[in-house]
Amino acid sequence: MPQTSVVFSGILGPGGSGQVQPGMGERGSGAGDLIFQDGRLVSGSLEALMEHLVPTVDYYPDATPPLTSPALAMRAMPPAGWAFSATRSPHSSAGLHPAGLWVVLGHKRTFIFTFLLTSRVFMPPHDLLARVGQICLEQRQQLEPGPEKAKLKSFSAKIVQLLKEWTEAFPYDFQDEKALGELKAIAYRVTQCDEENGTVKKAITQMIQSLLLSLAARSQLQELREKLRPPAVDKGPVLKAKPPAAQKDILGVCCDPLVLAQQLTHIELERVSSIHPEDLMQIISHTDSLDNHRCRGDVAKTYSLEAYDSWFNCLSMLVATEVCRVVKKKHRTRMLEFFIDVAPGMNLSPVARLKKTWSKVKTAKFDVLEHHMDPSSNFCNYRTALQGATQRSQTANSSREKIVIPVFNLFVKDIYFLHKIHTNHLPNGHINFKKFWEISRQIHEFMTWTQVECPFEKDKKIQSYLLTAPIYSEEALFIASFESEGPENHMEKDSWKALRTTLLHRA
């Protein structure tokens, strides 16, 4: 989990002695081009790593566990002056996968997960799949169908197992026809040895059916969330009177901050579960200027990350809308105190500038939150609190105590700086696999936080309001804010004047 940043150059750097990979059955020319330290794979050429991924008759990718020792935890500290997005609240939470993924991670075959996840920094998944197919064909040609029929069937079963783990862990790798075609081509080759009872063929058929169902489920989820996207509301020329009596606000739907927090937890965990490991790796590969040309299959952010960004921003804007549209200061103060407990949006300018309202608010809880999100020492207070929450989660008996939802943008920046500070390649040309073990470990750990079942009862009325209530645009928020409390300095007066001029031109 995120903790105070420490960079161990000795761990991830080019130094250190290593041992060449011991024999693991017949392999290609790159089989010996792997370096191990204390039994752990630490570097190798891309070709050797691809060969290491593919099983043989008497070999399946090793079961080396990921780095877990606190002494090996590496966090790349952002440089001084790094600016966090103004639209992100300190109370941001987010995150990451259906249970199928953990069929892989529940086993100790972490090399498979790590390499399939991180190899996309160097090549797109469909190219890796094509190379796996070539290696499989080379291996198969060494086995005669007659005297070595049993070995051929054993080899085929292991290839199917590898493909099964791949499709379960990263189904989105197979969304395009090219990758799906490569998968079917490999499947066709391995089923040729299984003409008698068809067990391999049956396993492949089930694997492809499960893959297609998983892809269809993701597509349906995207369509559903598009329908639930709340509409943005322009405030109109000027709000001169209080909102209509029939217009609801959040206090008319839910008056208990604890209940609201429980419903927000439901929504957060639902969105967390739709973010996948490859989504996070795309952030890395798409910002890598050195290998920028290699993984451009999907330049835009993945839909899951966009959906989370949209949800978080909409929630912040909803909170600001609920506060700014209230005409009476007493009611506005109550609204602020209500949201301080549970939601983001307090730091948005239209809300933060309401000094007269804030002067009436009991801010003790807000002060605690600001302390936790103090950016000094690389958010040390937050990281300490998160570490404590994680430790409690690991030993908790109740499902409530197991819930951990970290600040998503801090997690992403940690991964990003880990990637940027430590080199992909060592001086000898090998891939620095220590670095990718650590990236994989952190993503794996992050995702385990998302698998907790939410114990709170759903309230459809509250959730519907949170997801569909109209929200003001940024411009409309400033208008409502200035109408609640007029501009107090030259900058605010200029902004208010510019807004009115814009509105007059539109009229």
Protein backbone atom coordinates (compact mmCIF):
# COMPACT_ATOMS: atom_id res chain seq x y z
CA MET A 1 0.00 0.00 0.00
CA PRO A 2 1.10 3.58 -0.36
CA GLN A 3 3.52 4.61 2.32
CA THR A 4 6.21 7.20 2.85
CA SER A 5 8.21 7.31 -0.36
CA VAL A 6 11.58 5.63 -0.37
CA VAL A 7 13.55 4.84 -3.49
CA PHE A 8 15.89 1.88 -3.19
CA SER A 9 18.22 2.31 -6.16
CA GLY A 10 20.12 -0.77 -5.06
CA ILE A 11 17.00 -2.87 -5.46
CA LEU A 12 15.81 -1.60 -8.82
CA GLY A 13 19.05 -0.32 -10.27
CA PRO A 14 21.46 -2.08 -12.61
CA GLY A 15 23.81 -3.26 -9.88
CA GLY A 16 23.90 -6.58 -8.07
CA SER A 17 25.09 -10.02 -8.95
CA GLY A 18 22.80 -12.59 -10.44
CA GLN A 19 22.65 -16.18 -11.57
CA VAL A 20 21.71 -17.44 -14.99
CA GLN A 21 18.41 -19.26 -15.19
CA PRO A 22 18.82 -22.98 -14.48
CA GLY A 23 17.60 -25.49 -17.04
CA MET A 24 13.84 -25.86 -17.39
CA GLY A 25 13.41 -28.31 -20.21
CA GLU A 26 14.04 -27.73 -23.88
CA ARG A 27 13.79 -24.06 -24.67
CA GLY A 28 14.81 -21.75 -27.48
CA SER A 29 18.05 -19.85 -27.84
CA GLY A 30 16.92 -17.22 -25.33
CA ALA A 31 16.29 -19.68 -22.48
CA GLY A 32 19.60 -18.99 -20.77
CA ASP A 33 19.21 -15.24 -21.12
CA LEU A 34 17.45 -14.87 -17.74
CA ILE A 35 19.08 -13.67 -14.51
CA PHE A 36 17.93 -14.80 -11.06
CA GLN A 37 18.85 -13.52 -7.60
CA ASP A 38 18.05 -15.72 -4.60
CA GLY A 39 15.72 -17.74 -6.77
CA ARG A 40 13.87 -14.68 -8.10
CA LEU A 41 13.80 -13.64 -11.73
CA VAL A 42 15.27 -10.13 -11.85
CA SER A 43 16.10 -9.49 -15.51
CA GLY A 44 16.14 -10.95 -18.98
CA SER A 45 15.74 -10.15 -22.64
CA LEU A 46 12.21 -9.72 -23.94
CA GLU A 47 12.58 -12.86 -26.05
CA ALA A 48 13.76 -14.90 -23.06
CA LEU A 49 10.89 -13.64 -20.92
CA MET A 50 8.40 -14.61 -23.63
CA GLU A 51 9.91 -18.08 -23.81
CA HIS A 52 9.78 -18.27 -20.01
CA LEU A 53 6.03 -17.60 -20.24
CA VAL A 54 5.30 -20.56 -22.52
CA PRO A 55 5.07 -24.04 -20.93
CA THR A 56 6.87 -27.14 -22.13
CA VAL A 57 6.10 -30.79 -21.51
CA ASP A 58 7.78 -30.71 -18.08
CA TYR A 59 7.64 -26.99 -17.23
CA TYR A 60 5.04 -24.41 -16.28
CA PRO A 61 5.93 -20.73 -15.54
CA ASP A 62 7.49 -20.48 -12.10
CA ALA A 63 5.69 -19.66 -8.89
CA THR A 64 7.99 -16.95 -7.59
CA PRO A 65 5.95 -14.75 -5.17
CA PRO A 66 5.93 -10.98 -5.63
CA LEU A 67 7.96 -8.67 -3.42
CA THR A 68 6.09 -8.22 -0.17
CA SER A 69 8.70 -7.23 2.39
CA PRO A 70 8.22 -3.68 3.74
CA ALA A 71 11.96 -3.22 3.29
CA LEU A 72 11.49 -3.72 -0.44
CA ALA A 73 8.53 -1.36 -0.79
CA MET A 74 9.45 1.31 -3.30
CA ARG A 75 7.65 4.60 -3.76
CA ALA A 76 8.88 7.22 -6.15
CA MET A 77 8.53 10.64 -4.59
CA PRO A 78 7.02 13.27 -6.89
CA PRO A 79 9.37 16.19 -7.53
CA ALA A 80 8.90 19.39 -5.58
CA GLY A 81 6.15 21.54 -6.97
CA TRP A 82 4.18 18.67 -8.52
CA ALA A 83 0.64 20.00 -8.84
CA PHE A 84 -2.34 17.79 -8.07
CA SER A 85 -5.50 18.40 -10.04
CA ALA A 86 -7.66 21.18 -8.65
CA THR A 87 -10.74 19.11 -9.40
CA ARG A 88 -9.57 16.33 -7.10
CA SER A 89 -10.72 16.44 -3.54
CA PRO A 90 -8.57 15.30 -0.63
CA HIS A 91 -11.37 12.88 0.09
CA SER A 92 -11.10 11.23 -3.31
CA SER A 93 -11.46 7.51 -3.35
CA ALA A 94 -11.43 5.01 -6.05
CA GLY A 95 -10.05 2.32 -7.59
CA LEU A 96 -10.12 -1.31 -9.27
CA HIS A 97 -12.14 -6.76 -10.87
CA PRO A 98 -14.43 -9.47 -11.15
CA ALA A 99 -13.59 -12.61 -9.25
CA GLY A 100 -12.27 -14.32 -12.37
CA LEU A 101 -9.05 -12.36 -12.18
CA TRP A 102 -8.28 -13.71 -8.76
CA VAL A 103 -8.44 -17.26 -10.03
CA VAL A 104 -5.00 -16.40 -11.34
CA LEU A 105 -3.81 -14.29 -8.44
CA GLY A 106 -5.10 -16.81 -5.92
CA HIS A 107 -2.45 -19.20 -7.28
CA LYS A 108 1.24 -18.49 -6.86
CA ARG A 109 1.89 -18.22 -10.58
CA THR A 110 2.64 -14.55 -10.28
CA PHE A 111 5.15 -14.49 -13.14
CA ILE A 112 2.27 -15.09 -15.54
CA PHE A 113 0.25 -12.21 -14.14
CA THR A 114 3.24 -9.88 -13.86
CA PHE A 115 4.56 -10.49 -17.36
CA LEU A 116 1.15 -10.41 -19.06
CA LEU A 117 0.41 -7.16 -17.23
CA THR A 118 3.70 -5.33 -17.72
CA SER A 119 4.78 -6.61 -21.15
CA ARG A 120 2.33 -4.16 -22.74
CA VAL A 121 4.87 -1.45 -21.94
CA PHE A 122 7.01 -3.04 -24.69
CA MET A 123 4.50 -4.56 -27.09
CA PRO A 124 0.71 -4.72 -27.54
CA PRO A 125 -1.00 -7.88 -26.23
CA HIS A 126 -1.93 -9.18 -29.69
CA ASP A 127 1.76 -9.15 -30.71
CA LEU A 128 2.69 -11.03 -27.55
CA LEU A 129 -0.07 -13.53 -28.26
CA ALA A 130 1.24 -14.04 -31.79
CA ARG A 131 4.76 -14.72 -30.45
CA VAL A 132 3.34 -17.14 -27.87
CA GLY A 133 1.62 -18.93 -30.74
CA GLN A 134 4.91 -19.20 -32.65
CA ILE A 135 6.74 -20.62 -29.62
CA CYS A 136 3.89 -23.09 -29.05
CA LEU A 137 4.15 -24.25 -32.64
CA GLU A 138 7.93 -24.70 -32.33
CA GLN A 139 7.44 -26.74 -29.14
CA ARG A 140 4.70 -28.84 -30.70
CA GLN A 141 6.78 -29.68 -33.77
CA GLN A 142 9.36 -31.30 -31.50
CA LEU A 143 6.77 -33.81 -30.29
CA GLU A 144 5.77 -36.63 -32.62
CA PRO A 145 2.07 -37.56 -32.50
CA GLY A 146 2.86 -41.30 -32.32
CA PRO A 147 5.43 -42.31 -29.69
CA GLU A 148 5.14 -39.00 -27.80
CA LYS A 149 1.37 -38.71 -27.87
CA ALA A 150 1.09 -38.55 -24.08
CA LYS A 151 3.67 -35.76 -23.94
CA LEU A 152 1.84 -33.91 -26.70
CA LYS A 153 -1.42 -34.05 -24.77
CA SER A 154 0.31 -32.89 -21.58
CA PHE A 155 1.88 -29.98 -23.46
CA SER A 156 -1.48 -29.03 -25.00
CA ALA A 157 -3.19 -29.09 -21.61
CA LYS A 158 -0.58 -26.70 -20.20
CA ILE A 159 -1.00 -24.31 -23.15
CA VAL A 160 -4.75 -24.31 -22.58
CA GLN A 161 -4.16 -23.55 -18.89
CA LEU A 162 -1.94 -20.60 -19.80
CA LEU A 163 -4.53 -19.24 -22.24
CA LYS A 164 -7.28 -19.76 -19.66
CA GLU A 165 -5.36 -17.74 -17.08
CA TRP A 166 -4.71 -15.02 -19.65
CA THR A 167 -8.35 -14.72 -20.73
CA GLU A 168 -9.56 -14.69 -17.13
CA ALA A 169 -7.05 -12.11 -15.93
CA PHE A 170 -7.11 -9.82 -18.98
CA PRO A 171 -10.21 -10.48 -21.10
CA TYR A 172 -10.03 -7.02 -22.64
CA ASP A 173 -6.79 -8.04 -24.40
CA PHE A 174 -9.03 -10.06 -26.72
CA GLN A 175 -11.60 -7.41 -27.58
CA ASP A 176 -10.33 -6.86 -31.14
CA GLU A 177 -10.62 -9.40 -33.93
CA LYS A 178 -6.84 -9.64 -34.41
CA ALA A 179 -6.20 -10.88 -30.87
CA LEU A 180 -9.24 -13.13 -30.89
CA GLY A 181 -8.05 -14.58 -34.20
CA GLU A 182 -4.62 -15.32 -32.72
CA LEU A 183 -6.26 -17.02 -29.75
CA LYS A 184 -8.38 -19.23 -32.00
CA ALA A 185 -5.35 -20.07 -34.15
CA ILE A 186 -3.41 -21.30 -31.11
CA ALA A 187 -6.48 -23.18 -29.91
CA TYR A 188 -6.80 -24.93 -33.27
CA ARG A 189 -3.18 -26.11 -33.13
CA VAL A 190 -3.44 -27.61 -29.67
CA THR A 191 -6.76 -29.37 -30.33
CA GLN A 192 -5.27 -31.40 -33.17
CA CYS A 193 -3.68 -33.74 -30.62
CA ASP A 194 -6.99 -34.44 -28.89
CA GLU A 195 -9.11 -36.18 -31.50
CA GLU A 196 -10.09 -39.16 -29.33
CA ASN A 197 -12.04 -37.80 -26.34
CA GLY A 198 -12.02 -34.06 -27.06
CA THR A 199 -11.17 -32.96 -23.50
CA VAL A 200 -8.77 -30.25 -24.67
CA LYS A 201 -11.24 -29.05 -27.29
CA LYS A 202 -14.00 -28.89 -24.69
CA ALA A 203 -11.79 -26.84 -22.35
CA ILE A 204 -10.98 -24.40 -25.16
CA THR A 205 -14.64 -24.05 -26.11
CA GLN A 206 -15.57 -23.26 -22.49
CA MET A 207 -12.67 -20.79 -22.25
CA ILE A 208 -13.75 -18.85 -25.36
CA GLN A 209 -17.40 -18.85 -24.28
CA SER A 210 -16.44 -17.43 -20.87
CA LEU A 211 -14.26 -14.83 -22.57
CA LEU A 212 -17.06 -13.66 -24.85
CA LEU A 213 -19.47 -13.46 -21.91
CA SER A 214 -16.97 -11.37 -19.95
CA LEU A 215 -16.48 -8.97 -22.87
CA ALA A 216 -20.25 -8.69 -23.36
CA ALA A 217 -20.77 -7.95 -19.65
CA ARG A 218 -18.23 -5.12 -19.76
CA SER A 219 -19.89 -3.64 -22.83
CA GLN A 220 -23.32 -3.72 -21.16
CA LEU A 221 -21.89 -2.08 -18.04
CA GLN A 222 -20.51 0.77 -20.13
CA GLU A 223 -23.87 1.32 -21.81
CA LEU A 224 -25.69 1.31 -18.45
CA ARG A 225 -23.37 3.90 -16.91
CA GLU A 226 -23.72 6.15 -19.92
CA LYS A 227 -27.48 6.19 -19.30
CA LEU A 228 -26.93 7.08 -15.63
CA ARG A 229 -24.63 10.01 -16.37
CA PRO A 230 -26.28 13.07 -14.69
CA PRO A 231 -27.18 16.03 -16.89
CA ALA A 232 -25.31 19.31 -16.52
CA VAL A 233 -27.59 22.26 -15.87
CA ASP A 234 -26.96 25.82 -16.97
CA LYS A 235 -28.41 28.19 -14.46
CA GLY A 236 -30.00 30.45 -16.99
CA PRO A 237 -29.61 34.22 -17.12
CA VAL A 238 -29.51 34.89 -13.36
CA LEU A 239 -31.06 33.13 -10.37
CA LYS A 240 -33.11 35.93 -8.82
CA ALA A 241 -35.30 33.88 -6.53
CA LYS A 242 -35.05 30.82 -4.39
CA PRO A 243 -35.46 27.44 -6.13
CA PRO A 244 -39.03 26.13 -6.53
CA ALA A 245 -40.41 24.41 -3.44
CA ALA A 246 -40.82 21.18 -5.40
CA GLN A 247 -37.09 21.04 -6.19
CA LYS A 248 -35.42 18.42 -4.00
CA ASP A 249 -32.09 18.71 -2.31
CA ILE A 250 -30.00 15.99 -0.70
CA LEU A 251 -31.35 16.72 2.79
CA GLY A 252 -34.84 15.98 1.49
CA VAL A 253 -33.64 12.52 0.45
CA CYS A 254 -31.14 11.68 3.21
CA CYS A 255 -30.58 13.58 6.45
CA ASP A 256 -28.02 11.21 8.03
CA PRO A 257 -24.37 11.61 6.89
CA LEU A 258 -23.60 8.03 7.97
CA VAL A 259 -26.29 6.61 5.67
CA LEU A 260 -25.07 8.80 2.82
CA ALA A 261 -21.50 7.57 3.41
CA GLN A 262 -22.71 3.98 3.22
CA GLN A 263 -24.44 4.60 -0.11
CA LEU A 264 -21.38 6.37 -1.46
CA THR A 265 -19.31 3.35 -0.42
CA HIS A 266 -21.60 1.12 -2.50
CA ILE A 267 -21.17 3.34 -5.55
CA GLU A 268 -17.41 3.68 -5.08
CA LEU A 269 -16.87 -0.08 -4.78
CA GLU A 270 -19.02 -0.72 -7.85
CA ARG A 271 -16.86 1.64 -9.88
CA VAL A 272 -13.69 0.29 -8.34
CA SER A 273 -14.58 -3.22 -9.49
CA SER A 274 -14.80 -2.10 -13.11
CA ILE A 275 -11.21 -0.80 -13.21
CA HIS A 276 -8.77 -3.47 -14.31
CA PRO A 277 -5.00 -3.92 -13.95
CA GLU A 278 -4.42 -3.28 -17.65
CA ASP A 279 -6.21 0.07 -17.30
CA LEU A 280 -3.53 1.17 -14.86
CA MET A 281 -0.73 -0.14 -17.06
CA GLN A 282 -2.14 1.88 -19.95
CA ILE A 283 -1.53 5.01 -17.90
CA ILE A 284 2.12 4.01 -17.70
CA SER A 285 2.59 2.90 -21.30
CA HIS A 286 0.76 5.93 -22.70
CA THR A 287 2.95 8.36 -20.80
CA ASP A 288 6.22 6.62 -21.65
CA SER A 289 7.83 8.90 -24.21
CA LEU A 290 10.62 6.43 -25.00
CA ASP A 291 8.30 3.59 -25.98
CA ASN A 292 5.46 5.86 -27.06
CA HIS A 293 5.16 4.24 -30.48
CA ARG A 294 4.82 0.68 -29.27
CA CYS A 295 1.47 0.56 -27.48
CA ARG A 296 -0.82 2.99 -29.22
CA GLY A 297 -3.75 0.68 -29.79
CA ASP A 298 -5.92 2.79 -27.52
CA VAL A 299 -4.55 6.29 -27.06
CA ALA A 300 -7.45 7.55 -24.99
CA LYS A 301 -7.90 6.60 -21.36
CA THR A 302 -9.82 3.37 -20.90
CA TYR A 303 -13.53 3.66 -20.40
CA SER A 304 -13.34 2.39 -16.82
CA LEU A 305 -10.95 5.14 -15.78
CA GLU A 306 -13.00 7.73 -17.63
CA ALA A 307 -16.12 6.46 -15.88
CA TYR A 308 -14.46 6.83 -12.49
CA ASP A 309 -13.17 10.30 -13.32
CA SER A 310 -16.64 11.27 -14.48
CA TRP A 311 -18.23 9.87 -11.31
CA PHE A 312 -15.82 11.65 -8.99
CA ASN A 313 -16.11 14.97 -10.82
CA CYS A 314 -19.90 14.70 -10.94
CA LEU A 315 -20.00 13.99 -7.20
CA SER A 316 -17.83 17.03 -6.48
CA MET A 317 -20.01 19.19 -8.72
CA LEU A 318 -23.18 17.79 -7.13
CA VAL A 319 -21.94 18.75 -3.67
CA ALA A 320 -21.05 22.23 -4.90
CA THR A 321 -24.46 22.53 -6.58
CA GLU A 322 -26.29 21.50 -3.40
CA VAL A 323 -24.38 24.13 -1.40
CA CYS A 324 -24.35 27.03 -3.85
CA ARG A 325 -27.98 26.90 -4.92
CA VAL A 326 -29.23 27.35 -1.34
CA VAL A 327 -30.39 30.95 -0.82
CA LYS A 328 -30.61 31.13 2.99
CA LYS A 329 -27.26 31.23 4.79
CA LYS A 330 -28.51 29.13 7.71
CA HIS A 331 -29.57 26.33 5.40
CA ARG A 332 -26.34 26.67 3.43
CA THR A 333 -24.34 26.28 6.66
CA ARG A 334 -26.27 23.13 7.51
CA MET A 335 -25.57 21.77 4.03
CA LEU A 336 -21.83 22.37 4.42
CA GLU A 337 -21.73 20.66 7.81
CA PHE A 338 -23.62 17.72 6.36
CA PHE A 339 -21.20 17.20 3.46
CA ILE A 340 -18.00 17.74 5.49
CA ASP A 341 -18.47 14.26 6.94
CA VAL A 342 -18.72 12.34 3.71
CA ALA A 343 -18.11 13.93 0.34
CA PRO A 344 -15.71 15.92 -1.84
CA GLY A 345 -16.33 19.32 -3.37
CA MET A 346 -15.54 21.56 -0.39
CA ASN A 347 -12.38 22.83 -2.05
CA LEU A 348 -14.02 23.91 -5.30
CA SER A 349 -13.73 27.68 -5.68
CA PRO A 350 -17.49 28.49 -5.75
CA VAL A 351 -17.83 26.76 -2.34
CA ALA A 352 -14.49 27.72 -0.79
CA ARG A 353 -15.10 31.46 -1.37
CA LEU A 354 -18.31 31.51 0.75
CA LYS A 355 -16.54 33.01 3.76
CA LYS A 356 -19.65 34.23 5.58
CA THR A 357 -21.17 30.76 5.37
CA TRP A 358 -17.96 29.03 6.43
CA SER A 359 -17.69 31.35 9.44
CA LYS A 360 -20.84 29.69 10.83
CA VAL A 361 -19.65 26.13 10.17
CA LYS A 362 -18.15 23.86 12.83
CA THR A 363 -14.96 22.91 11.03
CA ALA A 364 -13.30 20.49 13.50
CA LYS A 365 -13.93 17.48 11.26
CA PHE A 366 -12.82 19.37 8.18
CA ASP A 367 -9.60 20.32 9.97
CA VAL A 368 -8.91 16.62 10.63
CA LEU A 369 -9.40 15.83 6.96
CA GLU A 370 -7.08 18.65 5.94
CA HIS A 371 -4.48 17.29 8.37
CA HIS A 372 -4.70 13.83 6.79
CA MET A 373 -4.28 15.30 3.32
CA ASP A 374 -1.44 17.66 4.17
CA PRO A 375 0.84 17.34 1.11
CA SER A 376 4.05 17.87 3.10
CA SER A 377 6.53 14.96 3.22
CA ASN A 378 4.80 13.37 0.24
CA PHE A 379 1.42 13.08 2.00
CA CYS A 380 3.00 11.31 4.96
CA ASN A 381 -0.09 11.73 7.19
CA TYR A 382 -2.36 10.18 4.60
CA ARG A 383 0.02 7.30 3.94
CA THR A 384 0.33 6.55 7.66
CA ALA A 385 -3.45 6.54 8.03
CA LEU A 386 -3.84 4.29 4.98
CA GLN A 387 -1.20 1.89 6.27
CA GLY A 388 -3.07 1.62 9.56
CA ALA A 389 -6.40 1.04 7.76
CA THR A 390 -4.80 -1.65 5.62
CA GLN A 391 -3.36 -3.47 8.62
CA ARG A 392 -6.74 -3.36 10.38
CA SER A 393 -8.40 -4.64 7.23
CA GLN A 394 -6.11 -7.66 7.09
CA THR A 395 -7.03 -8.77 10.61
CA ALA A 396 -10.63 -7.53 10.71
CA ASN A 397 -13.48 -9.84 11.56
CA SER A 398 -16.26 -7.54 10.37
CA SER A 399 -16.75 -6.66 6.71
CA ARG A 400 -17.03 -2.97 7.65
CA GLU A 401 -13.46 -2.88 8.93
CA LYS A 402 -12.20 -4.62 5.80
CA ILE A 403 -13.19 -1.76 3.50
CA VAL A 404 -10.22 0.30 2.32
CA ILE A 405 -10.67 2.80 -0.52
CA PRO A 406 -7.48 4.77 -1.11
CA VAL A 407 -7.04 8.13 -2.83
CA PHE A 408 -6.90 7.01 -6.42
CA ASN A 409 -4.93 9.86 -7.94
CA LEU A 410 -2.16 9.46 -5.34
CA PHE A 411 -1.96 5.75 -6.09
CA VAL A 412 -1.70 6.42 -9.82
CA LYS A 413 1.02 9.02 -9.30
CA ASP A 414 3.00 6.60 -7.13
CA ILE A 415 2.90 4.00 -9.91
CA TYR A 416 3.72 6.62 -12.52
CA PHE A 417 6.81 7.90 -10.70
CA LEU A 418 7.98 4.38 -9.90
CA HIS A 419 7.86 3.74 -13.63
CA LYS A 420 9.53 6.99 -14.67
CA ILE A 421 12.34 7.03 -12.11
CA HIS A 422 13.51 3.45 -12.61
CA THR A 423 14.79 2.38 -16.01
CA ASN A 424 13.04 -0.24 -18.12
CA HIS A 425 16.33 -1.64 -19.40
CA LEU A 426 19.63 -2.41 -17.70
CA PRO A 427 22.99 -1.55 -19.31
CA ASN A 428 23.25 -5.07 -20.74
CA GLY A 429 19.96 -4.60 -22.59
CA HIS A 430 17.94 -6.80 -20.24
CA ILE A 431 14.50 -5.74 -19.06
CA ASN A 432 14.67 -4.59 -15.44
CA PHE A 433 12.14 -7.12 -14.18
CA LYS A 434 12.61 -6.12 -10.53
CA LYS A 435 10.84 -2.89 -11.37
CA PHE A 436 7.92 -4.70 -12.96
CA TRP A 437 7.61 -7.14 -10.04
CA GLU A 438 7.08 -4.09 -7.82
CA ILE A 439 4.58 -2.40 -10.14
CA SER A 440 2.64 -5.66 -10.36
CA ARG A 441 2.75 -6.10 -6.57
CA GLN A 442 1.33 -2.64 -5.95
CA ILE A 443 -1.43 -3.06 -8.53
CA HIS A 444 -2.27 -6.48 -7.10
CA GLU A 445 -2.41 -5.08 -3.58
CA PHE A 446 -4.56 -2.17 -4.68
CA MET A 447 -7.00 -4.51 -6.35
CA THR A 448 -7.36 -6.75 -3.31
CA TRP A 449 -8.90 -3.74 -1.56
CA THR A 450 -11.66 -3.73 -4.15
CA GLN A 451 -12.81 -7.30 -3.55
CA VAL A 452 -14.49 -6.62 -0.21
CA GLU A 453 -18.23 -7.11 -0.29
CA CYS A 454 -20.05 -3.96 0.81
CA PRO A 455 -22.00 -4.86 3.98
CA PHE A 456 -24.42 -1.92 3.94
CA GLU A 457 -27.99 -2.18 2.79
CA LYS A 458 -28.64 -0.41 -0.48
CA ASP A 459 -31.00 2.54 -0.53
CA LYS A 460 -32.16 2.90 -4.13
CA LYS A 461 -33.74 6.29 -3.54
CA ILE A 462 -30.52 7.84 -2.23
CA GLN A 463 -28.35 6.17 -4.85
CA SER A 464 -30.66 7.30 -7.63
CA TYR A 465 -30.41 10.88 -6.39
CA LEU A 466 -26.61 10.75 -6.18
CA LEU A 467 -26.31 9.29 -9.67
CA THR A 468 -28.94 11.27 -11.56
CA ALA A 469 -29.55 14.60 -9.79
CA PRO A 470 -28.92 17.56 -12.13
CA ILE A 471 -25.69 19.43 -11.48
CA TYR A 472 -24.67 22.99 -12.30
CA SER A 473 -21.99 23.72 -14.82
CA GLU A 474 -18.86 25.47 -13.50
CA GLU A 475 -20.14 28.79 -14.79
CA ALA A 476 -23.55 28.30 -13.16
CA LEU A 477 -21.86 27.43 -9.85
CA PHE A 478 -19.98 30.74 -9.83
CA ILE A 479 -23.19 32.64 -10.61
CA ALA A 480 -25.00 30.96 -7.72
CA SER A 481 -22.02 31.53 -5.42
CA PHE A 482 -21.80 35.25 -6.23
CA GLU A 483 -25.55 35.62 -5.74
CA SER A 484 -25.27 33.99 -2.32
CA GLU A 485 -22.29 36.11 -1.28
CA GLY A 486 -21.26 39.01 -3.48
CA PRO A 487 -17.69 39.50 -4.76
CA GLU A 488 -15.30 40.78 -2.09
CA ASN A 489 -12.12 41.70 -3.96
CA HIS A 490 -11.04 43.02 -7.34
CA MET A 491 -10.42 39.55 -8.77
CA GLU A 492 -13.88 38.32 -7.81
CA LYS A 493 -15.48 41.54 -9.06
CA ASP A 494 -13.77 41.11 -12.42
CA SER A 495 -14.91 37.49 -12.62
CA TRP A 496 -18.48 38.44 -11.76
CA LYS A 497 -18.44 41.22 -14.34
CA ALA A 498 -17.14 38.86 -17.01
CA LEU A 499 -19.84 36.31 -16.20
CA ARG A 500 -22.61 38.91 -16.48
CA THR A 501 -21.20 40.15 -19.77
CA THR A 502 -21.19 36.59 -21.11
CA LEU A 503 -24.78 36.10 -20.02
CA LEU A 504 -25.89 39.34 -21.67
CA HIS A 505 -24.34 38.28 -24.97
CA ARG A 506 -26.20 34.98 -24.80
CA ALA A 507 -29.55 36.64 -24.08
